[in-house]
Amino acid sequence: MMHTDSIQWQIEVDKKDIAYIVSIFEGYDNLAVVRTVDASRGIIELMISPDYLEDTRRLVQSLSEEIPFRRRIAVDSEQ
């Protein structure tokens, strides 16, 4: 069953890492859409299709091993 709503996660990273994170997600054929919410504070938002939630979760976990970041409260559920 295909879902039509997206799940939004906000993540706080060092602002120097934003472009790198965007390029990683683009390289994964837009597994999630990355949007910069506040560049000066390093806040980005991942807009995730529920169909790709687990894949995105695994990628974020892997990225967290090389890039320090803090997950903020999810805009939608499915944390």
Protein backbone atom coordinates (compact mmCIF):
# COMPACT_ATOMS: atom_id res chain seq x y z
CA MET A 1 0.00 0.00 0.00
CA MET A 2 1.47 3.36 -1.03
CA HIS A 3 1.26 6.20 1.44
CA THR A 4 0.72 9.76 0.29
CA ASP A 5 1.63 11.76 3.41
CA SER A 6 5.20 12.54 4.32
CA ILE A 7 6.90 12.36 7.68
CA GLN A 8 9.05 15.31 8.72
CA TRP A 9 12.10 15.04 10.95
CA GLN A 10 14.10 18.05 12.02
CA ILE A 11 17.80 17.56 12.66
CA GLU A 12 20.31 20.04 14.04
CA VAL A 13 23.80 19.75 12.55
CA ASP A 14 26.89 21.89 12.21
CA LYS A 15 26.03 24.28 9.38
CA LYS A 16 29.18 23.22 7.51
CA ASP A 17 27.67 19.72 7.16
CA ILE A 18 24.39 20.76 5.50
CA ALA A 19 25.64 20.56 1.90
CA TYR A 20 27.24 17.17 2.58
CA ILE A 21 24.01 15.75 4.02
CA VAL A 22 21.99 17.10 1.07
CA SER A 23 24.41 15.48 -1.38
CA ILE A 24 24.23 12.13 0.44
CA PHE A 25 20.44 12.08 0.20
CA GLU A 26 20.55 13.14 -3.45
CA GLY A 27 22.98 10.26 -4.06
CA TYR A 28 20.43 7.87 -2.61
CA ASP A 29 17.97 8.94 -5.31
CA ASN A 30 16.19 11.34 -2.98
CA LEU A 31 15.38 8.78 -0.30
CA ALA A 32 14.15 11.82 1.61
CA VAL A 33 13.89 15.45 0.57
CA VAL A 34 16.21 17.66 2.61
CA ARG A 35 15.20 21.24 3.27
CA THR A 36 17.17 23.85 5.21
CA VAL A 37 14.95 25.34 7.90
CA ASP A 38 17.53 27.65 9.54
CA ALA A 39 21.02 27.66 8.00
CA SER A 40 22.54 29.84 10.73
CA ARG A 41 21.53 27.30 13.41
CA GLY A 42 22.14 24.25 11.21
CA ILE A 43 18.54 23.05 11.30
CA ILE A 44 17.42 20.88 8.41
CA GLU A 45 14.23 18.96 7.78
CA LEU A 46 13.92 15.56 6.18
CA MET A 47 10.64 14.98 4.36
CA ILE A 48 10.23 11.22 4.19
CA SER A 49 7.75 9.03 2.40
CA PRO A 50 6.41 6.43 4.86
CA ASP A 51 7.43 3.80 2.30
CA TYR A 52 11.09 4.81 2.81
CA LEU A 53 11.01 5.43 6.55
CA GLU A 54 13.11 2.42 7.55
CA ASP A 55 15.69 3.04 4.83
CA THR A 56 15.93 6.68 5.88
CA ARG A 57 16.23 5.69 9.53
CA ARG A 58 19.16 3.38 8.67
CA LEU A 59 20.90 6.07 6.61
CA VAL A 60 20.48 8.67 9.36
CA GLN A 61 21.87 6.19 11.90
CA SER A 62 24.88 5.56 9.66
CA LEU A 63 25.45 9.29 9.12
CA SER A 64 25.29 9.90 12.87
CA GLU A 65 28.44 7.81 13.24
CA GLU A 66 30.44 10.36 11.22
CA ILE A 67 28.53 13.63 11.67
CA PRO A 68 27.46 14.87 15.09
CA PHE A 69 23.83 15.90 15.04
CA ARG A 70 20.85 16.14 17.28
CA ARG A 71 17.44 14.94 16.28
CA ARG A 72 14.77 17.46 17.17
CA ILE A 73 11.15 16.66 17.88
CA ALA A 74 9.54 15.12 14.81
CA VAL A 75 6.96 17.32 13.17
CA ASP A 76 4.85 14.23 12.51
CA SER A 77 4.86 10.95 14.39
CA GLU A 78 6.82 7.87 13.26
CA GLN A 79 9.90 8.78 15.24
